[in-house]
Amino acid sequence: MLASPRAASVGAADQVARRTSRRALACVVTLGALALVVVASLTLGVRDVSLAVVWDALTAPVADNVDHEVITGQRLPRTLVGLAAGLALGVAGAVIQGVTRNPIADPGLLGLNSGASLAVVCSVWLLGLTAPSQFIWFAFVGAAAAATLVFSVGSGQPAKLALVGATVTALITPLITLVLLRDPNAFNTYRFWAVGSLTGRGTETLTVVLPFVAVGAVLAAGLAHRLNMLALGDDVARGLGQNVGATRALAGLTIVLLAGAATSLAGPIALVGLAVPHAARRLVGSDYRWVVALSALLGPVMLLGADVVGRLVLPHSELEAGVVAAAIGAPVLVAVARGKKVSNV
């Protein structure tokens, strides 16, 4: 016996409600995980500090207290940089995968990492800059220039974007190597930045980059619904009244702001922008309104978690967050490549 239209409507409404509840629960759990990694980032390391001492350092710091100086001078800026860079990388990865319909896309696909790296190397070589706070603008401009070139030549088409991005990276990489071979000082400075780290970035550096992250996050939230339509194909999106060219242009601007800011802050950290959107889709489905929101939470969880693990894995030393993040993201890349739904983003 066929169900009545009213019963079918009620059943569909129940499914939507359950799906929404499940997605909201995933966001709440992820928010709890983010709170835990923030606490771990402030308390754990070569010098473990209790939560009570952290609270005192944040609310009533004492100038001559070593623990307070560690918290306010090192770990708090490091944690804030991890939050900003992780959010930017996670959301940028979601937007890139949505606009290119490529499940293995990340900021490196569009040449942002190589563009930023070339700009940093040239600034160190030609201007003698040595600190991240000095060459942060060069990294941002280099990433933006590379992404602009890729989007303009690639005409916004997913296959062309990937091809042009790979070509730009292939052209820039030898130039970077040439400069590094000519200038040992540039090599010494670049190798610490290129591995990807949250250390050595003060709050003044974060203050410069944070507006770009905020604007990019707002643009990504506004793009989410358009990405849902774009996932159905260009023709379907146009049939639904969307200006596909304008959507891709806005997505390109969003990616430049987010990925450029993250790369200039923390260096070319690999695989965060790849792994985070896939994890988000596993938890909340393919609706980009939820994927973008959850990626904004999962990105900092992964990056700060990698940073904390890097502090604890070696006694009296630490691994950079970029190394640990790559170790975490590599299995995700393998799983995506082997998956049956590799083309479904």
C-alpha atoms as a PDB file:
ATOM      1  CA  MET A   1       0.000   0.000   0.000  1.00  0.00           C
ATOM      2  CA  LEU A   2       1.423   3.391  -1.038  1.00  0.00           C
ATOM      3  CA  ALA A   3       2.033   5.983   1.639  1.00  0.00           C
ATOM      4  CA  SER A   4      -0.083   9.120   1.500  1.00  0.00           C
ATOM      5  CA  PRO A   5       1.512  12.398   0.388  1.00  0.00           C
ATOM      6  CA  ARG A   6       1.079  13.738   3.921  1.00  0.00           C
ATOM      7  CA  ALA A   7       2.898  10.745   5.444  1.00  0.00           C
ATOM      8  CA  ALA A   8       5.677  11.038   2.872  1.00  0.00           C
ATOM      9  CA  SER A   9       6.039  14.737   3.696  1.00  0.00           C
ATOM     10  CA  VAL A  10       6.236  14.015   7.424  1.00  0.00           C
ATOM     11  CA  GLY A  11       8.810  11.295   6.807  1.00  0.00           C
ATOM     12  CA  ALA A  12      10.939  13.645   4.706  1.00  0.00           C
ATOM     13  CA  ALA A  13      10.702  16.330   7.380  1.00  0.00           C
ATOM     14  CA  ASP A  14      11.843  13.818  10.022  1.00  0.00           C
ATOM     15  CA  GLN A  15      14.840  12.868   7.885  1.00  0.00           C
ATOM     16  CA  VAL A  16      15.802  16.517   7.462  1.00  0.00           C
ATOM     17  CA  ALA A  17      15.472  17.087  11.208  1.00  0.00           C
ATOM     18  CA  ARG A  18      17.631  14.053  12.022  1.00  0.00           C
ATOM     19  CA  ARG A  19      20.241  15.115   9.476  1.00  0.00           C
ATOM     20  CA  THR A  20      20.333  18.621  10.900  1.00  0.00           C
ATOM     21  CA  SER A  21      20.654  17.282  14.454  1.00  0.00           C
ATOM     22  CA  ARG A  22      23.510  15.003  13.410  1.00  0.00           C
ATOM     23  CA  ARG A  23      25.302  17.869  11.712  1.00  0.00           C
ATOM     24  CA  ALA A  24      24.823  20.166  14.700  1.00  0.00           C
ATOM     25  CA  LEU A  25      26.148  17.433  17.002  1.00  0.00           C
ATOM     26  CA  ALA A  26      29.249  17.058  14.808  1.00  0.00           C
ATOM     27  CA  CYS A  27      29.883  20.809  15.076  1.00  0.00           C
ATOM     28  CA  VAL A  28      29.425  20.783  18.869  1.00  0.00           C
ATOM     29  CA  VAL A  29      31.776  17.812  19.306  1.00  0.00           C
ATOM     30  CA  THR A  30      34.360  19.449  17.046  1.00  0.00           C
ATOM     31  CA  LEU A  31      34.061  22.681  19.017  1.00  0.00           C
ATOM     32  CA  GLY A  32      34.752  20.688  22.179  1.00  0.00           C
ATOM     33  CA  ALA A  33      37.792  19.103  20.524  1.00  0.00           C
ATOM     34  CA  LEU A  34      38.998  22.575  19.549  1.00  0.00           C
ATOM     35  CA  ALA A  35      38.716  23.739  23.158  1.00  0.00           C
ATOM     36  CA  LEU A  36      40.774  20.727  24.271  1.00  0.00           C
ATOM     37  CA  VAL A  37      43.602  21.322  21.778  1.00  0.00           C
ATOM     38  CA  VAL A  38      43.709  25.016  22.743  1.00  0.00           C
ATOM     39  CA  VAL A  39      44.143  24.007  26.392  1.00  0.00           C
ATOM     40  CA  ALA A  40      46.780  21.439  25.396  1.00  0.00           C
ATOM     41  CA  SER A  41      48.598  24.035  23.304  1.00  0.00           C
ATOM     42  CA  LEU A  42      48.809  26.377  26.292  1.00  0.00           C
ATOM     43  CA  THR A  43      49.765  23.770  28.899  1.00  0.00           C
ATOM     44  CA  LEU A  44      51.877  21.087  27.198  1.00  0.00           C
ATOM     45  CA  GLY A  45      55.369  21.236  25.798  1.00  0.00           C
ATOM     46  CA  VAL A  46      58.987  20.931  26.816  1.00  0.00           C
ATOM     47  CA  ARG A  47      57.948  22.799  29.956  1.00  0.00           C
ATOM     48  CA  ASP A  48      54.525  21.588  31.153  1.00  0.00           C
ATOM     49  CA  VAL A  49      52.414  24.213  32.903  1.00  0.00           C
ATOM     50  CA  SER A  50      49.279  23.630  34.942  1.00  0.00           C
ATOM     51  CA  LEU A  51      45.941  25.038  33.843  1.00  0.00           C
ATOM     52  CA  ALA A  52      45.785  27.194  36.973  1.00  0.00           C
ATOM     53  CA  VAL A  53      49.111  28.800  36.097  1.00  0.00           C
ATOM     54  CA  VAL A  54      47.892  29.380  32.530  1.00  0.00           C
ATOM     55  CA  TRP A  55      44.800  31.130  33.873  1.00  0.00           C
ATOM     56  CA  ASP A  56      46.910  33.332  36.145  1.00  0.00           C
ATOM     57  CA  ALA A  57      49.254  34.171  33.268  1.00  0.00           C
ATOM     58  CA  LEU A  58      46.344  35.226  31.065  1.00  0.00           C
ATOM     59  CA  THR A  59      44.439  37.198  33.696  1.00  0.00           C
ATOM     60  CA  ALA A  60      47.155  38.588  35.994  1.00  0.00           C
ATOM     61  CA  PRO A  61      50.624  38.082  34.471  1.00  0.00           C
ATOM     62  CA  VAL A  62      53.676  38.610  36.653  1.00  0.00           C
ATOM     63  CA  ALA A  63      56.705  40.058  34.896  1.00  0.00           C
ATOM     64  CA  ASP A  64      59.364  37.973  36.627  1.00  0.00           C
ATOM     65  CA  ASN A  65      57.452  34.671  36.521  1.00  0.00           C
ATOM     66  CA  VAL A  66      59.090  32.299  34.013  1.00  0.00           C
ATOM     67  CA  ASP A  67      55.924  30.249  33.479  1.00  0.00           C
ATOM     68  CA  HIS A  68      53.907  33.393  32.819  1.00  0.00           C
ATOM     69  CA  GLU A  69      56.494  34.592  30.297  1.00  0.00           C
ATOM     70  CA  VAL A  70      56.357  31.238  28.505  1.00  0.00           C
ATOM     71  CA  ILE A  71      52.570  31.411  28.286  1.00  0.00           C
ATOM     72  CA  THR A  72      52.142  35.043  27.231  1.00  0.00           C
ATOM     73  CA  GLY A  73      55.299  35.402  25.158  1.00  0.00           C
ATOM     74  CA  GLN A  74      55.432  32.049  23.368  1.00  0.00           C
ATOM     75  CA  ARG A  75      52.458  29.735  23.706  1.00  0.00           C
ATOM     76  CA  LEU A  76      49.602  32.230  23.462  1.00  0.00           C
ATOM     77  CA  PRO A  77      50.858  33.762  20.174  1.00  0.00           C
ATOM     78  CA  ARG A  78      51.596  30.261  18.906  1.00  0.00           C
ATOM     79  CA  THR A  79      48.075  29.112  19.736  1.00  0.00           C
ATOM     80  CA  LEU A  80      46.454  32.158  18.137  1.00  0.00           C
ATOM     81  CA  VAL A  81      48.508  31.681  14.971  1.00  0.00           C
ATOM     82  CA  GLY A  82      47.445  28.025  14.882  1.00  0.00           C
ATOM     83  CA  LEU A  83      43.785  29.002  15.228  1.00  0.00           C
ATOM     84  CA  ALA A  84      43.963  31.576  12.427  1.00  0.00           C
ATOM     85  CA  ALA A  85      46.103  29.530  10.036  1.00  0.00           C
ATOM     86  CA  GLY A  86      44.157  26.325  10.675  1.00  0.00           C
ATOM     87  CA  LEU A  87      40.816  28.029  10.039  1.00  0.00           C
ATOM     88  CA  ALA A  88      42.153  29.646   6.867  1.00  0.00           C
ATOM     89  CA  LEU A  89      43.617  26.407   5.497  1.00  0.00           C
ATOM     90  CA  GLY A  90      40.523  24.344   6.305  1.00  0.00           C
ATOM     91  CA  VAL A  91      38.068  26.781   4.742  1.00  0.00           C
ATOM     92  CA  ALA A  92      40.349  27.458   1.752  1.00  0.00           C
ATOM     93  CA  GLY A  93      40.568  23.720   1.100  1.00  0.00           C
ATOM     94  CA  ALA A  94      36.789  23.386   1.179  1.00  0.00           C
ATOM     95  CA  VAL A  95      36.338  26.263  -1.271  1.00  0.00           C
ATOM     96  CA  ILE A  96      39.074  24.979  -3.597  1.00  0.00           C
ATOM     97  CA  GLN A  97      37.595  21.484  -3.718  1.00  0.00           C
ATOM     98  CA  GLY A  98      34.149  22.925  -4.292  1.00  0.00           C
ATOM     99  CA  VAL A  99      35.037  25.359  -7.068  1.00  0.00           C
ATOM    100  CA  THR A 100      37.327  22.904  -8.905  1.00  0.00           C
ATOM    101  CA  ARG A 101      35.204  19.807  -8.167  1.00  0.00           C
ATOM    102  CA  ASN A 102      38.524  18.122  -7.467  1.00  0.00           C
ATOM    103  CA  PRO A 103      38.681  15.934  -4.312  1.00  0.00           C
ATOM    104  CA  ILE A 104      42.473  16.143  -4.058  1.00  0.00           C
ATOM    105  CA  ALA A 105      42.693  19.911  -4.407  1.00  0.00           C
ATOM    106  CA  ASP A 106      44.411  22.025  -1.765  1.00  0.00           C
ATOM    107  CA  PRO A 107      46.157  25.438  -1.787  1.00  0.00           C
ATOM    108  CA  GLY A 108      49.277  23.870  -3.279  1.00  0.00           C
ATOM    109  CA  LEU A 109      47.286  22.817  -6.355  1.00  0.00           C
ATOM    110  CA  LEU A 110      46.856  26.441  -7.443  1.00  0.00           C
ATOM    111  CA  GLY A 111      50.531  27.289  -6.982  1.00  0.00           C
ATOM    112  CA  LEU A 112      50.023  29.389  -3.848  1.00  0.00           C
ATOM    113  CA  ASN A 113      52.737  27.623  -1.874  1.00  0.00           C
ATOM    114  CA  SER A 114      55.304  27.924  -4.654  1.00  0.00           C
ATOM    115  CA  GLY A 115      54.416  31.574  -5.300  1.00  0.00           C
ATOM    116  CA  ALA A 116      54.767  32.431  -1.625  1.00  0.00           C
ATOM    117  CA  SER A 117      58.030  30.497  -1.399  1.00  0.00           C
ATOM    118  CA  LEU A 118      59.560  32.313  -4.357  1.00  0.00           C
ATOM    119  CA  ALA A 119      58.591  35.689  -2.899  1.00  0.00           C
ATOM    120  CA  VAL A 120      60.104  34.792   0.484  1.00  0.00           C
ATOM    121  CA  VAL A 121      63.321  33.545  -1.085  1.00  0.00           C
ATOM    122  CA  CYS A 122      63.693  36.693  -3.197  1.00  0.00           C
ATOM    123  CA  SER A 123      62.981  38.972  -0.219  1.00  0.00           C
ATOM    124  CA  VAL A 124      65.647  37.215   1.834  1.00  0.00           C
ATOM    125  CA  TRP A 125      68.127  37.199  -1.057  1.00  0.00           C
ATOM    126  CA  LEU A 126      67.640  40.756  -2.301  1.00  0.00           C
ATOM    127  CA  LEU A 127      66.597  42.615   0.859  1.00  0.00           C
ATOM    128  CA  GLY A 128      68.290  40.584   3.565  1.00  0.00           C
ATOM    129  CA  LEU A 129      65.088  39.922   5.528  1.00  0.00           C
ATOM    130  CA  THR A 130      65.345  37.204   8.159  1.00  0.00           C
ATOM    131  CA  ALA A 131      62.229  37.238  10.370  1.00  0.00           C
ATOM    132  CA  PRO A 132      58.722  36.030   9.472  1.00  0.00           C
ATOM    133  CA  SER A 133      57.314  39.387  10.546  1.00  0.00           C
ATOM    134  CA  GLN A 134      59.532  41.029   7.911  1.00  0.00           C
ATOM    135  CA  PHE A 135      58.757  38.856   4.889  1.00  0.00           C
ATOM    136  CA  ILE A 136      55.109  38.097   5.663  1.00  0.00           C
ATOM    137  CA  TRP A 137      53.890  40.616   3.095  1.00  0.00           C
ATOM    138  CA  PHE A 138      56.124  39.140   0.423  1.00  0.00           C
ATOM    139  CA  ALA A 139      54.737  35.672   1.110  1.00  0.00           C
ATOM    140  CA  PHE A 140      51.187  36.977   0.864  1.00  0.00           C
ATOM    141  CA  VAL A 141      51.824  38.883  -2.377  1.00  0.00           C
ATOM    142  CA  GLY A 142      53.618  35.885  -3.907  1.00  0.00           C
ATOM    143  CA  ALA A 143      50.731  33.567  -3.084  1.00  0.00           C
ATOM    144  CA  ALA A 144      48.198  36.054  -4.440  1.00  0.00           C
ATOM    145  CA  ALA A 145      50.172  36.574  -7.661  1.00  0.00           C
ATOM    146  CA  ALA A 146      50.448  32.839  -8.297  1.00  0.00           C
ATOM    147  CA  ALA A 147      46.740  32.246  -7.672  1.00  0.00           C
ATOM    148  CA  THR A 148      45.769  35.192  -9.867  1.00  0.00           C
ATOM    149  CA  LEU A 149      47.910  33.844 -12.700  1.00  0.00           C
ATOM    150  CA  VAL A 150      46.420  30.349 -12.354  1.00  0.00           C
ATOM    151  CA  PHE A 151      42.833  31.598 -12.316  1.00  0.00           C
ATOM    152  CA  SER A 152      43.335  33.985 -15.237  1.00  0.00           C
ATOM    153  CA  VAL A 153      45.041  31.421 -17.475  1.00  0.00           C
ATOM    154  CA  GLY A 154      42.859  28.539 -16.318  1.00  0.00           C
ATOM    155  CA  SER A 155      39.668  30.467 -17.158  1.00  0.00           C
ATOM    156  CA  GLY A 156      37.986  29.036 -14.057  1.00  0.00           C
ATOM    157  CA  GLN A 157      37.670  25.551 -15.569  1.00  0.00           C
ATOM    158  CA  PRO A 158      38.487  22.775 -13.052  1.00  0.00           C
ATOM    159  CA  ALA A 159      40.756  20.722 -15.312  1.00  0.00           C
ATOM    160  CA  LYS A 160      42.636  23.789 -16.565  1.00  0.00           C
ATOM    161  CA  LEU A 161      43.073  25.156 -13.046  1.00  0.00           C
ATOM    162  CA  ALA A 162      44.781  21.959 -11.924  1.00  0.00           C
ATOM    163  CA  LEU A 163      46.970  21.825 -15.041  1.00  0.00           C
ATOM    164  CA  VAL A 164      47.996  25.493 -14.892  1.00  0.00           C
ATOM    165  CA  GLY A 165      48.631  25.239 -11.130  1.00  0.00           C
ATOM    166  CA  ALA A 166      50.937  22.261 -11.646  1.00  0.00           C
ATOM    167  CA  THR A 167      52.720  24.104 -14.457  1.00  0.00           C
ATOM    168  CA  VAL A 168      53.258  27.234 -12.373  1.00  0.00           C
ATOM    169  CA  THR A 169      54.668  25.143  -9.530  1.00  0.00           C
ATOM    170  CA  ALA A 170      56.970  23.306 -11.940  1.00  0.00           C
ATOM    171  CA  LEU A 171      58.258  26.611 -13.321  1.00  0.00           C
ATOM    172  CA  ILE A 172      58.774  28.299  -9.955  1.00  0.00           C
ATOM    173  CA  THR A 173      60.469  25.434  -8.115  1.00  0.00           C
ATOM    174  CA  PRO A 174      63.730  25.554 -10.141  1.00  0.00           C
ATOM    175  CA  LEU A 175      63.890  29.324  -9.639  1.00  0.00           C
ATOM    176  CA  ILE A 176      63.651  28.829  -5.869  1.00  0.00           C
ATOM    177  CA  THR A 177      66.393  26.207  -6.003  1.00  0.00           C
ATOM    178  CA  LEU A 178      68.611  28.480  -8.098  1.00  0.00           C
ATOM    179  CA  VAL A 179      68.364  31.321  -5.576  1.00  0.00           C
ATOM    180  CA  LEU A 180      68.960  29.009  -2.620  1.00  0.00           C
ATOM    181  CA  LEU A 181      72.077  27.578  -4.226  1.00  0.00           C
ATOM    182  CA  ARG A 182      73.468  31.074  -4.808  1.00  0.00           C
ATOM    183  CA  ASP A 183      72.752  32.435  -1.314  1.00  0.00           C
ATOM    184  CA  PRO A 184      73.413  30.281   1.799  1.00  0.00           C
ATOM    185  CA  ASN A 185      71.778  32.891   4.042  1.00  0.00           C
ATOM    186  CA  ALA A 186      68.579  32.685   2.022  1.00  0.00           C
ATOM    187  CA  PHE A 187      68.703  28.908   2.306  1.00  0.00           C
ATOM    188  CA  ASN A 188      69.101  28.992   6.096  1.00  0.00           C
ATOM    189  CA  THR A 189      66.167  31.372   6.537  1.00  0.00           C
ATOM    190  CA  TYR A 190      63.945  29.692   3.977  1.00  0.00           C
ATOM    191  CA  ARG A 191      64.333  26.151   5.284  1.00  0.00           C
ATOM    192  CA  PHE A 192      62.890  27.087   8.682  1.00  0.00           C
ATOM    193  CA  TRP A 193      59.918  28.868   7.107  1.00  0.00           C
ATOM    194  CA  ALA A 194      59.261  26.279   4.375  1.00  0.00           C
ATOM    195  CA  VAL A 195      58.870  23.334   6.752  1.00  0.00           C
ATOM    196  CA  GLY A 196      55.756  24.968   8.237  1.00  0.00           C
ATOM    197  CA  SER A 197      55.762  26.062  11.869  1.00  0.00           C
ATOM    198  CA  LEU A 198      53.779  28.104  14.381  1.00  0.00           C
ATOM    199  CA  THR A 199      56.829  29.304  16.291  1.00  0.00           C
ATOM    200  CA  GLY A 200      58.485  32.687  15.954  1.00  0.00           C
ATOM    201  CA  ARG A 201      55.287  34.457  14.896  1.00  0.00           C
ATOM    202  CA  GLY A 202      54.387  37.259  17.259  1.00  0.00           C
ATOM    203  CA  THR A 203      51.010  38.848  17.828  1.00  0.00           C
ATOM    204  CA  GLU A 204      52.024  41.796  15.643  1.00  0.00           C
ATOM    205  CA  THR A 205      52.320  39.423  12.678  1.00  0.00           C
ATOM    206  CA  LEU A 206      48.928  37.917  13.459  1.00  0.00           C
ATOM    207  CA  THR A 207      47.358  41.365  13.706  1.00  0.00           C
ATOM    208  CA  VAL A 208      48.493  42.166  10.184  1.00  0.00           C
ATOM    209  CA  VAL A 209      47.082  38.963   8.659  1.00  0.00           C
ATOM    210  CA  LEU A 210      43.904  38.503  10.724  1.00  0.00           C
ATOM    211  CA  PRO A 211      41.746  40.958   8.706  1.00  0.00           C
ATOM    212  CA  PHE A 212      42.427  38.959   5.545  1.00  0.00           C
ATOM    213  CA  VAL A 213      41.407  35.742   7.293  1.00  0.00           C
ATOM    214  CA  ALA A 214      38.209  37.368   8.570  1.00  0.00           C
ATOM    215  CA  VAL A 215      37.211  38.737   5.163  1.00  0.00           C
ATOM    216  CA  GLY A 216      38.016  35.419   3.480  1.00  0.00           C
ATOM    217  CA  ALA A 217      35.940  33.475   6.016  1.00  0.00           C
ATOM    218  CA  VAL A 218      32.942  35.778   5.482  1.00  0.00           C
ATOM    219  CA  LEU A 219      33.234  35.406   1.704  1.00  0.00           C
ATOM    220  CA  ALA A 220      33.461  31.617   2.034  1.00  0.00           C
ATOM    221  CA  ALA A 221      30.303  31.527   4.142  1.00  0.00           C
ATOM    222  CA  GLY A 222      28.491  33.541   1.489  1.00  0.00           C
ATOM    223  CA  LEU A 223      29.789  31.249  -1.274  1.00  0.00           C
ATOM    224  CA  ALA A 224      28.670  27.994   0.349  1.00  0.00           C
ATOM    225  CA  HIS A 225      25.234  27.915  -1.267  1.00  0.00           C
ATOM    226  CA  ARG A 226      26.727  28.746  -4.681  1.00  0.00           C
ATOM    227  CA  LEU A 227      29.206  25.883  -4.289  1.00  0.00           C
ATOM    228  CA  ASN A 228      26.284  23.514  -3.760  1.00  0.00           C
ATOM    229  CA  MET A 229      24.837  24.540  -7.110  1.00  0.00           C
ATOM    230  CA  LEU A 230      28.249  24.481  -8.797  1.00  0.00           C
ATOM    231  CA  ALA A 231      28.705  20.878  -7.642  1.00  0.00           C
ATOM    232  CA  LEU A 232      25.758  19.932  -9.884  1.00  0.00           C
ATOM    233  CA  GLY A 233      27.672  21.111 -12.954  1.00  0.00           C
ATOM    234  CA  ASP A 234      28.080  24.418 -14.755  1.00  0.00           C
ATOM    235  CA  ASP A 235      25.025  23.958 -16.962  1.00  0.00           C
ATOM    236  CA  VAL A 236      22.750  23.112 -14.043  1.00  0.00           C
ATOM    237  CA  ALA A 237      24.138  26.032 -12.029  1.00  0.00           C
ATOM    238  CA  ARG A 238      23.444  28.412 -14.913  1.00  0.00           C
ATOM    239  CA  GLY A 239      19.957  26.965 -15.268  1.00  0.00           C
ATOM    240  CA  LEU A 240      19.360  27.784 -11.605  1.00  0.00           C
ATOM    241  CA  GLY A 241      20.276  31.394 -12.281  1.00  0.00           C
ATOM    242  CA  GLN A 242      23.863  31.415 -11.071  1.00  0.00           C
ATOM    243  CA  ASN A 243      26.599  33.441 -12.736  1.00  0.00           C
ATOM    244  CA  VAL A 244      29.257  30.731 -12.841  1.00  0.00           C
ATOM    245  CA  GLY A 245      32.052  33.080 -13.873  1.00  0.00           C
ATOM    246  CA  ALA A 246      31.322  35.496 -11.041  1.00  0.00           C
ATOM    247  CA  THR A 247      31.160  32.602  -8.559  1.00  0.00           C
ATOM    248  CA  ARG A 248      34.563  31.323  -9.616  1.00  0.00           C
ATOM    249  CA  ALA A 249      36.062  34.801  -9.501  1.00  0.00           C
ATOM    250  CA  LEU A 250      34.730  35.343  -5.983  1.00  0.00           C
ATOM    251  CA  ALA A 251      35.977  31.900  -4.976  1.00  0.00           C
ATOM    252  CA  GLY A 252      39.405  32.776  -6.356  1.00  0.00           C
ATOM    253  CA  LEU A 253      39.506  35.941  -4.258  1.00  0.00           C
ATOM    254  CA  THR A 254      38.444  33.954  -1.194  1.00  0.00           C
ATOM    255  CA  ILE A 255      41.154  31.350  -1.758  1.00  0.00           C
ATOM    256  CA  VAL A 256      43.829  34.019  -2.225  1.00  0.00           C
ATOM    257  CA  LEU A 257      42.855  35.775   1.012  1.00  0.00           C
ATOM    258  CA  LEU A 258      42.657  32.599   3.119  1.00  0.00           C
ATOM    259  CA  ALA A 259      45.470  30.481   1.707  1.00  0.00           C
ATOM    260  CA  GLY A 260      47.733  33.491   1.202  1.00  0.00           C
ATOM    261  CA  ALA A 261      47.240  34.580   4.809  1.00  0.00           C
ATOM    262  CA  ALA A 262      47.801  31.062   6.171  1.00  0.00           C
ATOM    263  CA  THR A 263      50.923  30.503   4.075  1.00  0.00           C
ATOM    264  CA  SER A 264      52.438  33.840   5.026  1.00  0.00           C
ATOM    265  CA  LEU A 265      51.727  33.123   8.698  1.00  0.00           C
ATOM    266  CA  ALA A 266      52.802  29.504   9.108  1.00  0.00           C
ATOM    267  CA  GLY A 267      54.622  28.602   5.907  1.00  0.00           C
ATOM    268  CA  PRO A 268      53.487  26.180   3.182  1.00  0.00           C
ATOM    269  CA  ILE A 269      51.864  23.587   5.453  1.00  0.00           C
ATOM    270  CA  ALA A 270      50.762  20.647   3.334  1.00  0.00           C
ATOM    271  CA  LEU A 271      47.642  18.461   3.397  1.00  0.00           C
ATOM    272  CA  VAL A 272      45.604  20.368   5.999  1.00  0.00           C
ATOM    273  CA  GLY A 273      43.557  21.943   3.227  1.00  0.00           C
ATOM    274  CA  LEU A 274      43.124  18.481   1.694  1.00  0.00           C
ATOM    275  CA  ALA A 275      42.306  16.373   4.728  1.00  0.00           C
ATOM    276  CA  VAL A 276      40.005  18.741   6.612  1.00  0.00           C
ATOM    277  CA  PRO A 277      37.241  19.123   3.967  1.00  0.00           C
ATOM    278  CA  HIS A 278      37.147  15.352   3.474  1.00  0.00           C
ATOM    279  CA  ALA A 279      36.727  14.803   7.195  1.00  0.00           C
ATOM    280  CA  ALA A 280      34.009  17.462   7.237  1.00  0.00           C
ATOM    281  CA  ARG A 281      32.093  15.776   4.412  1.00  0.00           C
ATOM    282  CA  ARG A 282      32.275  12.445   6.221  1.00  0.00           C
ATOM    283  CA  LEU A 283      30.648  14.061   9.252  1.00  0.00           C
ATOM    284  CA  VAL A 284      28.051  16.407   7.753  1.00  0.00           C
ATOM    285  CA  GLY A 285      27.551  15.302   4.146  1.00  0.00           C
ATOM    286  CA  SER A 286      28.100  17.246   0.943  1.00  0.00           C
ATOM    287  CA  ASP A 287      26.181  20.432   1.781  1.00  0.00           C
ATOM    288  CA  TYR A 288      28.875  23.122   1.584  1.00  0.00           C
ATOM    289  CA  ARG A 289      27.070  25.328   4.057  1.00  0.00           C
ATOM    290  CA  TRP A 290      27.939  22.733   6.691  1.00  0.00           C
ATOM    291  CA  VAL A 291      31.243  21.652   5.124  1.00  0.00           C
ATOM    292  CA  VAL A 292      32.637  25.197   5.224  1.00  0.00           C
ATOM    293  CA  ALA A 293      31.443  25.739   8.800  1.00  0.00           C
ATOM    294  CA  LEU A 294      32.890  22.456  10.072  1.00  0.00           C
ATOM    295  CA  SER A 295      36.142  22.953   8.150  1.00  0.00           C
ATOM    296  CA  ALA A 296      36.580  26.248  10.013  1.00  0.00           C
ATOM    297  CA  LEU A 297      36.618  24.225  13.245  1.00  0.00           C
ATOM    298  CA  LEU A 298      38.463  21.121  12.061  1.00  0.00           C
ATOM    299  CA  GLY A 299      41.331  23.092  10.505  1.00  0.00           C
ATOM    300  CA  PRO A 300      42.531  24.557  13.821  1.00  0.00           C
ATOM    301  CA  VAL A 301      41.953  21.196  15.537  1.00  0.00           C
ATOM    302  CA  MET A 302      44.263  19.453  13.069  1.00  0.00           C
ATOM    303  CA  LEU A 303      46.945  22.157  12.946  1.00  0.00           C
ATOM    304  CA  LEU A 304      47.078  22.833  16.691  1.00  0.00           C
ATOM    305  CA  GLY A 305      46.882  19.088  17.386  1.00  0.00           C
ATOM    306  CA  ALA A 306      49.837  18.533  15.070  1.00  0.00           C
ATOM    307  CA  ASP A 307      51.746  21.308  16.836  1.00  0.00           C
ATOM    308  CA  VAL A 308      51.084  19.778  20.276  1.00  0.00           C
ATOM    309  CA  VAL A 309      52.082  16.289  19.088  1.00  0.00           C
ATOM    310  CA  GLY A 310      55.268  17.763  17.630  1.00  0.00           C
ATOM    311  CA  ARG A 311      56.192  19.176  21.038  1.00  0.00           C
ATOM    312  CA  LEU A 312      55.668  15.866  22.836  1.00  0.00           C
ATOM    313  CA  VAL A 313      57.024  13.279  20.407  1.00  0.00           C
ATOM    314  CA  LEU A 314      60.695  14.122  21.016  1.00  0.00           C
ATOM    315  CA  PRO A 315      62.126  14.598  24.520  1.00  0.00           C
ATOM    316  CA  HIS A 316      63.571  18.083  25.104  1.00  0.00           C
ATOM    317  CA  SER A 317      62.903  19.008  21.487  1.00  0.00           C
ATOM    318  CA  GLU A 318      60.037  19.247  18.998  1.00  0.00           C
ATOM    319  CA  LEU A 319      58.946  18.606  15.439  1.00  0.00           C
ATOM    320  CA  GLU A 320      57.464  21.415  13.383  1.00  0.00           C
ATOM    321  CA  ALA A 321      53.704  21.385  12.915  1.00  0.00           C
ATOM    322  CA  GLY A 322      54.086  21.090   9.134  1.00  0.00           C
ATOM    323  CA  VAL A 323      55.932  17.782   9.465  1.00  0.00           C
ATOM    324  CA  VAL A 324      53.346  16.276  11.818  1.00  0.00           C
ATOM    325  CA  ALA A 325      50.416  17.619   9.761  1.00  0.00           C
ATOM    326  CA  ALA A 326      51.862  15.984   6.641  1.00  0.00           C
ATOM    327  CA  ALA A 327      52.191  12.682   8.500  1.00  0.00           C
ATOM    328  CA  ILE A 328      48.541  12.924   9.533  1.00  0.00           C
ATOM    329  CA  GLY A 329      47.274  14.045   6.125  1.00  0.00           C
ATOM    330  CA  ALA A 330      49.211  11.532   4.006  1.00  0.00           C
ATOM    331  CA  PRO A 331      47.004   8.544   4.961  1.00  0.00           C
ATOM    332  CA  VAL A 332      43.958  10.670   4.124  1.00  0.00           C
ATOM    333  CA  LEU A 333      45.356  11.337   0.661  1.00  0.00           C
ATOM    334  CA  VAL A 334      45.942   7.613   0.140  1.00  0.00           C
ATOM    335  CA  ALA A 335      42.404   6.804   1.320  1.00  0.00           C
ATOM    336  CA  VAL A 336      40.930   9.430  -1.009  1.00  0.00           C
ATOM    337  CA  ALA A 337      42.937   8.133  -3.962  1.00  0.00           C
ATOM    338  CA  ARG A 338      41.749   4.578  -3.300  1.00  0.00           C
ATOM    339  CA  GLY A 339      38.149   5.544  -2.636  1.00  0.00           C
ATOM    340  CA  LYS A 340      35.345   4.613  -5.014  1.00  0.00           C
ATOM    341  CA  LYS A 341      33.825   8.092  -4.778  1.00  0.00           C
ATOM    342  CA  VAL A 342      36.989   9.995  -5.487  1.00  0.00           C
ATOM    343  CA  SER A 343      35.193  12.243  -7.963  1.00  0.00           C
ATOM    344  CA  ASN A 344      32.310  13.068  -5.658  1.00  0.00           C
ATOM    345  CA  VAL A 345      32.963  16.315  -3.816  1.00  0.00           C
END
